[in-house]
Protein backbone atom coordinates (compact mmCIF):
# COMPACT_ATOMS: atom_id res chain seq x y z
CA MET A 1 27.31 162.56 33.89
CA ARG A 2 26.43 158.86 33.92
CA GLU A 3 29.48 158.08 31.76
CA LYS A 4 31.77 159.59 34.42
CA PHE A 5 30.48 157.05 36.92
CA ARG A 6 30.41 154.16 34.43
CA PRO A 7 33.78 152.63 35.56
CA TYR A 8 32.57 152.51 39.18
CA ILE A 9 29.17 151.07 38.25
CA ASP A 10 30.75 148.43 36.01
CA LEU A 11 33.25 147.50 38.73
CA VAL A 12 30.51 146.80 41.27
CA LYS A 13 28.22 145.07 38.78
CA THR A 14 30.77 142.77 37.15
CA ASN A 15 33.38 142.09 39.85
CA THR A 16 31.54 139.87 42.35
CA HIS A 17 34.40 139.36 44.78
CA TYR A 18 35.39 143.02 44.95
CA ARG A 19 31.70 143.83 45.48
CA ARG A 20 31.51 141.49 48.48
CA LEU A 21 34.71 142.88 49.98
CA TRP A 22 33.40 146.40 49.36
CA LEU A 23 30.03 145.65 51.00
CA ALA A 24 31.81 144.15 54.01
CA GLN A 25 33.78 147.38 54.35
CA ILE A 26 30.64 149.51 54.12
CA ILE A 27 28.78 147.54 56.80
CA SER A 28 31.63 147.29 59.32
CA ASN A 29 32.58 150.95 58.78
CA PHE A 30 29.00 152.01 59.48
CA GLY A 31 29.10 150.15 62.79
CA ASP A 32 32.45 151.72 63.69
CA TRP A 33 31.35 155.29 63.10
CA PHE A 34 27.87 154.68 64.45
CA GLY A 35 29.41 153.47 67.73
CA ILE A 36 32.39 155.78 68.26
CA LEU A 37 30.32 158.72 69.50
CA ALA A 38 28.77 156.45 72.11
CA VAL A 39 32.26 155.72 73.45
CA TYR A 40 33.01 159.46 73.57
CA ALA A 41 29.67 160.04 75.33
CA ILE A 42 30.50 157.48 78.05
CA ILE A 43 33.86 159.10 78.75
CA GLN A 44 32.34 162.58 78.88
CA GLN A 45 29.51 161.34 81.10
CA TYR A 46 31.78 159.71 83.70
CA SER A 47 34.82 162.01 83.57
CA GLY A 48 34.22 165.34 81.75
CA SER A 49 37.99 165.55 81.14
CA GLU A 50 39.51 166.71 77.82
CA LEU A 51 42.63 164.70 78.69
CA LEU A 52 40.72 161.45 79.24
CA LEU A 53 38.74 162.08 76.05
CA GLY A 54 41.97 162.55 74.13
CA LEU A 55 43.42 159.50 75.87
CA ILE A 56 40.85 157.15 74.27
CA ILE A 57 42.06 158.28 70.85
CA VAL A 58 45.68 157.83 71.92
CA VAL A 59 44.96 154.32 73.28
CA LYS A 60 43.23 153.49 70.02
CA MET A 61 46.13 154.69 67.91
CA LEU A 62 48.92 153.27 70.09
CA SER A 63 47.26 149.85 70.18
CA LEU A 64 47.21 149.86 66.40
CA ALA A 65 50.82 151.04 66.30
CA ILE A 66 52.21 148.51 68.77
CA PHE A 67 50.58 145.52 67.10
CA SER A 68 50.92 146.69 63.46
CA PRO A 69 54.38 145.20 62.74
CA LEU A 70 53.30 141.73 63.91
CA ALA A 71 49.94 142.15 62.13
CA GLY A 72 51.74 142.86 58.86
CA PHE A 73 53.79 139.69 59.24
CA ILE A 74 50.61 137.70 59.97
CA THR A 75 48.73 139.09 56.94
CA ASP A 76 51.59 138.16 54.61
CA ARG A 77 52.08 134.66 56.04
CA PHE A 78 48.47 133.49 56.55
CA ASN A 79 45.23 133.57 54.56
CA ARG A 80 43.95 137.16 54.56
CA ARG A 81 40.33 136.22 54.00
CA GLN A 82 40.28 133.96 57.07
CA LEU A 83 42.07 136.62 59.13
CA MET A 84 39.44 139.24 58.23
CA ILE A 85 36.58 136.91 59.21
CA MET A 86 38.28 136.12 62.53
CA SER A 87 38.85 139.83 63.20
CA ASP A 88 35.18 140.67 62.53
CA ILE A 89 33.98 137.98 64.96
CA ALA A 90 36.38 139.12 67.69
CA ARG A 91 35.50 142.81 67.31
CA GLY A 92 31.78 142.05 67.36
CA ILE A 93 32.13 140.30 70.73
CA LEU A 94 34.41 142.98 72.17
CA VAL A 95 32.18 146.01 71.48
CA LEU A 96 29.40 144.43 73.55
CA GLY A 97 31.72 144.88 76.53
CA PHE A 98 31.12 148.64 76.47
CA ILE A 99 27.63 147.92 77.84
CA LEU A 100 29.25 146.85 81.13
CA ILE A 101 30.49 150.42 81.81
CA THR A 102 27.89 151.84 84.20
CA THR A 103 30.00 153.83 86.71
CA SER A 104 33.16 155.95 86.69
CA ASP A 105 34.99 153.10 88.47
CA LEU A 106 34.47 150.93 85.38
CA LEU A 107 35.63 153.59 82.92
CA TRP A 108 38.98 151.79 82.55
CA LEU A 109 37.08 149.12 80.60
CA ALA A 110 36.55 151.60 77.76
CA TYR A 111 40.31 151.85 77.28
CA ALA A 112 40.93 148.11 77.67
CA ILE A 113 38.19 147.13 75.21
CA THR A 114 39.31 149.77 72.72
CA ALA A 115 42.89 148.49 72.91
CA MET A 116 41.81 144.89 72.21
CA GLN A 117 39.45 145.99 69.45
CA MET A 118 42.31 147.82 67.73
CA VAL A 119 44.55 144.73 67.86
CA PHE A 120 42.11 142.97 65.54
CA SER A 121 41.67 146.11 63.44
CA ALA A 122 45.46 146.13 62.99
CA ILE A 123 45.07 142.75 61.28
CA PHE A 124 41.87 143.53 59.37
CA GLU A 125 42.90 146.83 57.75
CA PRO A 126 46.18 145.80 56.06
CA ALA A 127 44.59 142.47 55.08
CA LYS A 128 41.70 144.31 53.41
CA THR A 129 43.86 146.93 51.68
CA SER A 130 46.36 144.29 50.53
CA SER A 131 43.50 142.22 49.08
CA ILE A 132 42.08 144.92 46.79
CA PRO A 133 44.75 144.44 44.05
CA ASN A 134 44.09 140.69 44.25
CA VAL A 135 40.38 141.02 43.38
CA THR A 136 40.72 143.74 40.73
CA ALA A 137 42.37 144.05 37.33
CA PRO A 138 45.21 146.63 37.04
CA GLN A 139 42.93 149.07 35.18
CA GLU A 140 40.31 148.74 37.96
CA LEU A 141 42.66 149.46 40.86
CA VAL A 142 42.37 153.26 40.99
CA PHE A 143 38.57 153.11 40.58
CA ALA A 144 38.35 150.45 43.31
CA ASN A 145 40.30 152.60 45.78
CA ILE A 146 38.38 155.77 44.95
CA LEU A 147 35.11 153.87 45.38
CA SER A 148 36.31 152.39 48.68
CA ALA A 149 37.33 155.85 49.91
CA ALA A 150 34.10 157.45 48.74
CA SER A 151 32.08 154.68 50.38
CA TRP A 152 34.06 155.06 53.61
CA SER A 153 33.25 158.76 53.51
CA LEU A 154 29.55 158.27 52.82
CA ILE A 155 29.26 155.71 55.60
CA PHE A 156 31.37 157.90 57.88
CA THR A 157 28.99 160.76 57.16
CA THR A 158 25.78 158.84 57.71
CA GLY A 159 27.20 156.70 60.52
CA MET A 160 28.45 159.66 62.52
CA ALA A 161 25.35 161.74 61.90
CA ILE A 162 22.95 158.90 62.75
CA GLY A 163 25.22 157.81 65.61
CA GLY A 164 25.11 161.28 67.12
CA PHE A 165 21.33 161.30 67.18
CA ALA A 166 21.14 157.64 68.25
CA THR A 167 23.52 158.22 71.15
CA ALA A 168 21.50 161.22 72.26
CA TYR A 169 18.02 159.68 71.90
CA LEU A 170 18.37 155.87 71.99
CA GLY A 171 21.17 155.47 74.50
CA THR A 172 24.63 153.95 74.23
CA ASP A 173 23.68 150.30 74.91
CA LEU A 174 21.56 149.92 71.79
CA VAL A 175 24.24 151.65 69.74
CA PHE A 176 26.85 149.08 70.84
CA ILE A 177 24.51 146.17 70.04
CA ILE A 178 24.01 147.49 66.50
CA ASN A 179 27.78 147.93 66.17
CA ALA A 180 28.33 144.27 67.10
CA ILE A 181 25.75 143.11 64.55
CA THR A 182 27.48 145.02 61.74
CA TYR A 183 30.73 143.14 62.35
CA GLY A 184 28.86 139.86 62.03
CA VAL A 185 27.25 140.85 58.72
CA SER A 186 30.64 142.05 57.42
CA GLY A 187 32.13 138.64 58.20
CA VAL A 188 29.38 136.92 56.20
CA PHE A 189 30.17 138.95 53.06
CA ILE A 190 33.90 138.24 53.36
CA TYR A 191 33.14 134.54 53.86
CA ARG A 192 31.29 134.56 50.52
CA ALA A 193 34.12 136.30 48.65
CA VAL A 194 36.98 134.56 46.86
CA ILE A 195 40.20 136.48 47.55
CA PRO A 196 43.29 135.16 45.70
CA GLN A 197 46.62 135.59 47.42
CA LYS A 198 50.17 134.91 46.28
CA GLU A 199 51.55 132.88 49.13
CA MET A 200 55.16 132.82 50.27
CA SER A 201 57.24 130.03 48.80
CA ASP A 202 58.32 127.20 51.10
CA GLU A 203 61.78 128.75 51.19
CA GLN A 204 60.36 132.16 52.15
CA LYS A 205 58.20 130.59 54.87
CA ILE A 206 61.27 128.92 56.36
CA GLU A 207 63.24 132.16 56.19
CA ASN A 208 60.34 134.07 57.81
CA ARG A 209 59.22 131.51 60.38
CA ASN A 210 60.68 133.83 63.01
CA PRO A 211 58.23 136.80 63.23
CA ILE A 212 61.01 139.22 64.16
CA ARG A 213 63.00 138.25 61.09
CA GLY A 214 59.90 138.60 58.90
CA ILE A 215 59.14 142.04 60.35
CA LEU A 216 62.73 143.18 59.82
CA GLU A 217 62.60 141.99 56.21
CA GLY A 218 59.66 144.33 55.63
CA PHE A 219 61.54 147.27 57.16
CA ARG A 220 64.64 146.50 55.06
CA TYR A 221 62.51 146.41 51.93
CA LEU A 222 61.18 149.90 52.67
CA ILE A 223 64.60 151.33 53.47
CA ASN A 224 66.02 149.95 50.21
CA ASN A 225 63.09 151.06 48.02
CA ASN A 226 62.56 154.81 48.19
CA ASP A 227 59.74 154.70 45.64
CA VAL A 228 57.73 152.66 48.18
CA LEU A 229 58.98 154.52 51.26
CA ARG A 230 57.72 157.92 50.09
CA PRO A 231 54.01 157.02 49.81
CA THR A 232 54.39 155.03 53.05
CA LEU A 233 55.28 158.29 54.82
CA ALA A 234 52.42 160.32 53.30
CA LYS A 235 49.58 159.51 55.72
CA GLY A 236 51.80 159.75 58.82
CA THR A 237 53.16 163.15 57.78
CA PHE A 238 49.64 164.45 57.09
CA THR A 239 48.14 163.22 60.36
CA MET A 240 50.99 164.57 62.49
CA CYS A 241 48.90 167.74 62.58
CA MET A 242 45.55 166.64 61.15
CA GLY A 243 45.04 164.15 63.99
CA ALA A 244 45.00 166.95 66.54
CA LEU A 245 42.71 169.09 64.39
CA ILE A 246 40.16 166.28 64.02
CA TYR A 247 40.30 165.57 67.77
CA MET A 248 39.66 169.24 68.53
CA LEU A 249 36.39 169.14 66.60
CA ILE A 250 35.02 167.27 69.65
CA ILE A 251 35.95 170.21 71.88
CA VAL A 252 34.71 172.74 69.32
CA SER A 253 31.28 171.09 69.28
CA ASP A 254 31.04 171.25 73.09
CA GLU A 255 32.69 174.58 73.95
CA ILE A 256 32.20 176.80 70.90
CA LEU A 257 29.08 175.49 69.18
CA MET A 258 27.50 174.19 72.42
CA MET A 259 25.87 171.35 70.46
CA GLY A 260 27.42 168.19 72.00
CA SER A 261 27.06 164.90 70.09
CA ILE A 262 24.73 166.41 67.51
CA GLY A 263 27.21 169.16 66.60
CA LEU A 264 30.04 166.66 66.44
CA GLY A 265 27.95 164.42 64.21
CA ILE A 266 27.39 167.34 61.81
CA LEU A 267 31.08 168.31 61.71
CA TYR A 268 32.20 164.73 61.25
CA ALA A 269 29.58 164.28 58.54
CA ALA A 270 31.09 167.27 56.72
CA ARG A 271 34.49 165.61 57.09
CA GLY A 272 33.07 162.44 55.54
CA VAL A 273 31.56 164.28 52.56
CA GLY A 274 34.91 165.95 51.92
CA THR A 275 36.93 162.74 51.99
CA GLY A 276 34.42 161.18 49.58
CA ILE A 277 34.43 164.00 47.02
CA GLY A 278 38.14 164.77 47.31
CA PRO A 279 39.69 161.71 45.59
CA VAL A 280 37.34 162.05 42.59
CA LEU A 281 38.24 165.73 42.09
CA GLY A 282 41.87 165.12 43.02
CA ARG A 283 42.26 162.55 40.24
CA ARG A 284 40.78 165.01 37.74
CA LEU A 285 43.29 167.68 38.81
CA PHE A 286 46.28 165.31 38.99
CA ARG A 287 45.69 162.80 36.21
CA LYS A 288 49.25 161.47 36.01
CA GLU A 289 50.40 159.24 38.86
CA SER A 290 53.89 160.66 38.38
CA GLY A 291 52.66 163.90 39.96
CA TRP A 292 50.90 162.35 42.95
CA ILE A 293 53.83 162.60 45.37
CA ARG A 294 54.09 166.35 44.73
CA SER A 295 50.32 166.75 45.04
CA ILE A 296 50.44 165.32 48.58
CA GLY A 297 52.45 168.35 49.74
CA ILE A 298 49.94 170.67 48.06
CA PHE A 299 47.09 168.89 49.85
CA MET A 300 48.78 169.43 53.23
CA ILE A 301 49.15 173.16 52.65
CA PHE A 302 45.55 173.48 51.44
CA SER A 303 44.11 171.61 54.45
CA GLY A 304 46.19 173.72 56.82
CA PHE A 305 44.76 176.95 55.43
CA MET A 306 41.20 175.61 55.66
CA TYR A 307 41.59 174.67 59.34
CA ALA A 308 43.16 178.07 60.07
CA VAL A 309 39.87 179.59 58.89
CA ILE A 310 37.84 177.08 60.95
CA GLY A 311 39.61 178.28 64.11
CA SER A 312 38.06 181.73 63.72
CA LEU A 313 34.47 180.71 62.98
CA GLN A 314 31.39 180.52 65.22
CA SER A 315 28.75 179.13 62.87
CA VAL A 316 28.22 175.36 62.53
CA VAL A 317 27.22 175.86 58.88
CA LEU A 318 30.41 177.72 57.94
CA MET A 319 32.55 175.35 59.98
CA SER A 320 31.00 172.38 58.20
CA ILE A 321 31.77 173.88 54.79
CA PHE A 322 35.44 174.49 55.61
CA VAL A 323 35.81 171.09 57.31
CA MET A 324 34.44 169.50 54.14
CA ILE A 325 36.88 171.42 51.91
CA ALA A 326 39.85 170.63 54.17
CA HIS A 327 39.10 166.92 54.06
CA MET A 328 38.70 166.88 50.30
CA ALA A 329 42.47 167.31 50.30
CA SER A 330 43.10 164.73 53.04
CA GLY A 331 40.91 162.20 51.20
CA SER A 332 42.94 162.67 48.02
CA ASN A 333 46.15 162.15 49.98
CA TRP A 334 44.78 158.89 51.38
CA VAL A 335 43.77 157.41 48.00
CA PHE A 336 46.84 158.58 46.09
CA SER A 337 49.31 157.15 48.63
CA THR A 338 47.33 153.88 48.91
CA VAL A 339 47.24 153.26 45.15
CA LEU A 340 50.96 154.02 44.80
CA LEU A 341 51.75 151.48 47.53
CA GLN A 342 49.49 148.83 46.00
CA ARG A 343 51.11 149.24 42.60
CA ARG A 344 54.71 149.36 43.81
CA THR A 345 54.72 146.60 46.47
CA PRO A 346 54.92 142.82 45.78
CA ASP A 347 52.01 140.78 47.16
CA THR A 348 54.20 138.80 49.58
CA LEU A 349 55.38 142.05 51.21
CA ARG A 350 52.20 144.11 50.89
CA GLY A 351 50.84 143.27 54.34
CA ARG A 352 54.05 144.35 56.07
CA VAL A 353 54.29 147.54 54.05
CA PHE A 354 50.71 148.55 54.81
CA SER A 355 51.11 147.63 58.48
CA THR A 356 54.23 149.82 58.63
CA GLU A 357 52.20 152.63 57.08
CA TRP A 358 49.58 152.08 59.82
CA LEU A 359 52.36 152.11 62.42
CA LEU A 360 53.62 155.50 61.25
CA PHE A 361 50.09 156.84 60.86
CA THR A 362 48.96 155.78 64.33
CA LEU A 363 52.14 156.93 66.07
CA ALA A 364 51.88 160.32 64.40
CA GLN A 365 48.21 160.66 65.32
CA SER A 366 48.90 159.62 68.92
CA VAL A 367 51.63 162.24 69.32
CA SER A 368 49.43 164.86 67.68
CA VAL A 369 46.34 164.20 69.81
CA THR A 370 48.37 163.91 73.03
CA ALA A 371 50.06 167.25 72.39
CA ALA A 372 46.74 168.98 71.70
CA ALA A 373 45.05 167.37 74.72
CA LEU A 374 47.85 168.45 77.07
CA ILE A 375 47.82 172.00 75.70
CA LEU A 376 44.08 172.24 76.36
CA GLU A 377 44.08 170.35 79.70
CA PHE A 378 46.66 172.71 81.22
CA ASN A 379 45.21 175.84 79.56
CA ILE A 380 48.44 176.66 77.75
CA LEU A 381 46.42 177.92 74.76
CA SER A 382 42.72 178.35 74.06
CA ILE A 383 40.94 175.97 71.71
CA ARG A 384 41.04 178.52 68.88
CA GLN A 385 44.74 179.23 69.40
CA THR A 386 45.53 175.51 69.44
CA ILE A 387 43.67 174.99 66.15
CA THR A 388 45.68 177.84 64.62
CA LEU A 389 48.95 176.35 65.91
CA PHE A 390 48.37 172.94 64.33
CA SER A 391 47.05 174.53 61.12
CA VAL A 392 50.31 176.45 60.71
CA LEU A 393 52.34 173.32 61.45
CA LEU A 394 50.39 171.44 58.76
CA ILE A 395 51.15 174.18 56.23
CA LEU A 396 54.85 174.01 57.14
CA SER A 397 54.78 170.21 56.77
CA GLY A 398 53.42 170.61 53.25
CA ILE A 399 56.11 173.11 52.34
CA LEU A 400 58.80 170.76 53.70
CA TRP A 401 57.32 167.86 51.70
CA LEU A 402 57.43 169.93 48.48
CA CYS A 403 61.03 170.99 49.15
CA LYS A 404 62.50 167.68 50.33
CA VAL A 405 60.37 164.69 49.30
CA ALA A 406 58.82 165.61 45.95
CA PRO A 407 62.14 166.56 44.24
CA LYS A 408 63.60 163.14 45.11
CA GLU A 409 60.62 161.38 43.51
CA GLU A 410 61.01 163.44 40.34
CA ALA A 411 64.81 162.99 40.25
CA GLU A 412 64.48 159.20 40.47
CA GLU A 413 61.66 159.06 37.95
CA LYS A 414 63.39 161.13 35.24
CA PRO A 415 66.09 158.56 34.38
CA VAL A 416 63.41 155.85 34.09
CA ILE A 417 61.39 157.99 31.66
CA GLU A 418 64.49 158.86 29.62
CA LYS A 419 65.51 155.20 29.50
CA PHE A 420 62.02 154.19 28.31
CA ALA A 421 62.07 156.89 25.61
CA PHE A 422 65.53 155.81 24.46
CA GLU A 423 64.52 152.13 24.21
CA SER A 424 61.26 152.98 22.44
CA SER A 425 63.13 154.97 19.78
CA GLY A 426 65.14 151.87 18.91
CA LYS A 427 68.49 153.57 19.41
């Protein structure tokens, strides 16, 4: 058993700069998930509206989406390490602003602060993801991403679970203070890391001094490189339905389980466990990267069936089990598509590619959550019926991916394999 984990242990022990970047991720992620339930609690306390609760998620996602193209340009043009430190400092200051919300008249601050917080997250996330190939050897890249995903999941699990209890028993103010501190500690670890970066040439900097031109160059690169475009679409396609299903867990905890923040913490913890285990098992099932694009469609179908079952359950234990299984597939999708993008994208374009991926992901999630929130707000369907609807749509998305996207990947890859075999034979 120990030998199976040896590559991950060796990576953390021997690669100092990846370790520091990884620890920064762990600490800031803990603060994020520890604090998010406190934001939900404030909105529920001062409004009690499913629509306003869904709106905070939409604001979060749209803020990421709107700023992502410019953020991608910034992370390719400037020093990513410095950008991440700046983003941590700014987010740490911003989250303290939630403490000012003491009446329903000040509830608008929750949306304004969240929007500004996401602007800096739009810079931090592509900068961090783009930096992983720069602090790891090629043979370490898959292990580094699986470890990052597993760590995210573990911290998500503990952060949400602890955050649920902390919000209920300690109050939201202390939760936000802890959240701010975690950003500061994250910045210290990034400051101590050395993160190489292939900078644009002087000619490229002149060509891309206009941000709009630089952004358009990134879009043109994606349009002209289908092998990069396909994994870029993976997360957005998945979350077009999954976003709504995750949002509805908040409503399920309140209206079906009648457990509030504690129930939500348990369900989100199950989600975190699933996303942590999934990539490890997924890589054992799909060992060849050539099959990863096809596997993404299979993961969509599998998750859809799991959530269809969740919509009929009443027990928090059974729900947690099926949430965990569903997100084993979504976690595999996340790691597989990320590694493919890291391998296939040049360093000087990586920030723009990952920011475009975030753009598609956040837009898809915003549409998904808005649709579910409106359906529930106007009582078009019950919560169980709405879960079933989005589960079926996720299954159909997976089928469409297998029929339309996967065959194109395999058709383009076959000539490359045949060419390699021909050249290797010496003919």
